[in-house]
């Protein structure tokens, strides 16, 4: 399971348990976004040849 899936699962569970933890949910979404950006950067960097 990737970090994005874990963050999404954690977010959905947090909503069910504590609807008032919006700050933590926003942090988890930001982490998922960063995970996606890192994967894109790794793909891009892997395509460069020196």
N, C-alpha and C. Protein backbone atom coordinates (compact mmCIF):
# COMPACT_ATOMS: atom_id res chain seq x y z
N UNK A 1 0.86 -1.18 0.00
CA UNK A 1 0.00 0.00 0.00
C UNK A 1 0.89 1.23 0.00
N UNK A 2 0.66 2.14 -0.93
CA UNK A 2 1.47 3.35 -1.03
C UNK A 2 1.11 4.37 0.03
N UNK A 3 1.97 5.35 0.17
CA UNK A 3 1.74 6.40 1.17
C UNK A 3 0.45 7.15 0.89
N UNK A 4 0.13 7.33 -0.38
CA UNK A 4 -1.10 8.04 -0.74
C UNK A 4 -2.32 7.27 -0.26
N UNK A 5 -2.32 5.95 -0.48
CA UNK A 5 -3.44 5.13 -0.04
C UNK A 5 -3.57 5.14 1.48
N UNK A 6 -2.44 5.09 2.15
CA UNK A 6 -2.45 5.12 3.62
C UNK A 6 -3.03 6.44 4.10
N UNK A 7 -2.61 7.55 3.49
CA UNK A 7 -3.11 8.86 3.89
C UNK A 7 -4.61 8.97 3.65
N UNK A 8 -5.07 8.45 2.52
CA UNK A 8 -6.50 8.52 2.21
C UNK A 8 -7.30 7.66 3.19
N UNK A 9 -6.79 6.47 3.51
CA UNK A 9 -7.47 5.59 4.47
C UNK A 9 -7.51 6.24 5.85
N UNK A 10 -6.38 6.81 6.26
CA UNK A 10 -6.33 7.47 7.57
C UNK A 10 -7.31 8.64 7.62
N UNK A 11 -7.38 9.40 6.54
CA UNK A 11 -8.29 10.54 6.49
C UNK A 11 -9.73 10.08 6.60
N UNK A 12 -10.11 9.04 5.87
CA UNK A 12 -11.49 8.57 5.93
C UNK A 12 -11.84 8.05 7.32
N UNK A 13 -10.90 7.40 7.97
CA UNK A 13 -11.16 6.90 9.33
C UNK A 13 -11.24 8.04 10.33
N UNK A 14 -10.39 9.05 10.15
CA UNK A 14 -10.44 10.20 11.05
C UNK A 14 -11.78 10.91 10.93
N UNK A 15 -12.29 11.04 9.71
CA UNK A 15 -13.59 11.69 9.53
C UNK A 15 -14.67 10.95 10.27
N UNK A 16 -14.61 9.63 10.26
CA UNK A 16 -15.62 8.82 10.93
C UNK A 16 -15.50 8.92 12.45
N UNK A 17 -14.28 9.04 12.95
CA UNK A 17 -14.06 9.04 14.39
C UNK A 17 -14.11 10.45 14.99
N UNK A 18 -13.43 11.39 14.36
CA UNK A 18 -13.33 12.76 14.89
C UNK A 18 -13.51 13.76 13.75
N UNK A 19 -14.74 14.14 13.46
CA UNK A 19 -14.96 15.08 12.35
C UNK A 19 -14.28 16.44 12.55
N UNK A 20 -13.83 16.74 13.74
CA UNK A 20 -13.28 18.07 14.01
C UNK A 20 -11.77 18.17 13.79
N UNK A 21 -11.13 17.14 13.28
CA UNK A 21 -9.67 17.19 13.13
C UNK A 21 -9.27 17.61 11.71
N UNK A 22 -9.82 18.75 11.28
CA UNK A 22 -9.58 19.23 9.92
C UNK A 22 -8.10 19.53 9.66
N UNK A 23 -7.40 20.04 10.66
CA UNK A 23 -5.99 20.37 10.47
C UNK A 23 -5.17 19.12 10.16
N UNK A 24 -5.41 18.06 10.89
CA UNK A 24 -4.69 16.80 10.64
C UNK A 24 -5.06 16.24 9.27
N UNK A 25 -6.33 16.34 8.91
CA UNK A 25 -6.76 15.86 7.59
C UNK A 25 -6.06 16.65 6.48
N UNK A 26 -5.95 17.95 6.66
CA UNK A 26 -5.26 18.79 5.66
C UNK A 26 -3.79 18.39 5.56
N UNK A 27 -3.18 18.07 6.69
CA UNK A 27 -1.78 17.64 6.70
C UNK A 27 -1.62 16.33 5.95
N UNK A 28 -2.54 15.40 6.17
CA UNK A 28 -2.48 14.11 5.47
C UNK A 28 -2.66 14.30 3.97
N UNK A 29 -3.57 15.20 3.58
CA UNK A 29 -3.75 15.47 2.14
C UNK A 29 -2.49 16.07 1.55
N UNK A 30 -1.86 16.98 2.29
CA UNK A 30 -0.62 17.59 1.81
C UNK A 30 0.49 16.54 1.67
N UNK A 31 0.55 15.60 2.60
CA UNK A 31 1.54 14.52 2.51
C UNK A 31 1.29 13.66 1.27
N UNK A 32 0.03 13.38 1.00
CA UNK A 32 -0.32 12.59 -0.19
C UNK A 32 0.08 13.34 -1.45
N UNK A 33 -0.15 14.65 -1.48
CA UNK A 33 0.24 15.46 -2.63
C UNK A 33 1.75 15.45 -2.81
N UNK A 34 2.49 15.58 -1.71
CA UNK A 34 3.95 15.54 -1.79
C UNK A 34 4.45 14.19 -2.26
N UNK A 35 3.79 13.13 -1.84
CA UNK A 35 4.16 11.78 -2.27
C UNK A 35 4.00 11.66 -3.79
N UNK A 36 2.91 12.19 -4.32
CA UNK A 36 2.68 12.15 -5.77
C UNK A 36 3.73 12.98 -6.50
N UNK A 37 4.04 14.16 -5.97
CA UNK A 37 5.05 15.01 -6.60
C UNK A 37 6.42 14.35 -6.59
N UNK A 38 6.76 13.69 -5.49
CA UNK A 38 8.05 13.00 -5.40
C UNK A 38 8.12 11.88 -6.43
N UNK A 39 7.04 11.15 -6.61
CA UNK A 39 7.03 10.08 -7.62
C UNK A 39 7.23 10.65 -9.01
N UNK A 40 6.58 11.76 -9.31
CA UNK A 40 6.75 12.40 -10.62
C UNK A 40 8.18 12.87 -10.82
N UNK A 41 8.76 13.47 -9.77
CA UNK A 41 10.14 13.93 -9.86
C UNK A 41 11.11 12.77 -10.06
N UNK A 42 10.87 11.65 -9.39
CA UNK A 42 11.72 10.48 -9.56
C UNK A 42 11.64 9.97 -11.00
N UNK A 43 10.42 9.96 -11.56
CA UNK A 43 10.26 9.55 -12.95
C UNK A 43 11.03 10.48 -13.87
N UNK A 44 10.88 11.77 -13.65
CA UNK A 44 11.54 12.77 -14.48
C UNK A 44 13.06 12.66 -14.36
N UNK A 45 13.56 12.56 -13.14
CA UNK A 45 15.00 12.46 -12.92
C UNK A 45 15.55 11.17 -13.53
N UNK A 46 14.76 10.11 -13.48
CA UNK A 46 15.19 8.83 -14.06
C UNK A 46 15.30 8.88 -15.57
N UNK A 47 14.62 9.84 -16.19
CA UNK A 47 14.64 9.93 -17.65
C UNK A 47 15.86 10.71 -18.15
N UNK A 48 16.55 11.44 -17.26
CA UNK A 48 17.73 12.21 -17.67
C UNK A 48 18.95 11.29 -17.79
N UNK A 49 19.75 11.58 -18.78
CA UNK A 49 21.00 10.85 -18.97
C UNK A 49 22.16 11.84 -18.94
N UNK A 50 23.19 11.49 -18.20
CA UNK A 50 24.35 12.39 -18.11
C UNK A 50 25.49 11.79 -18.93
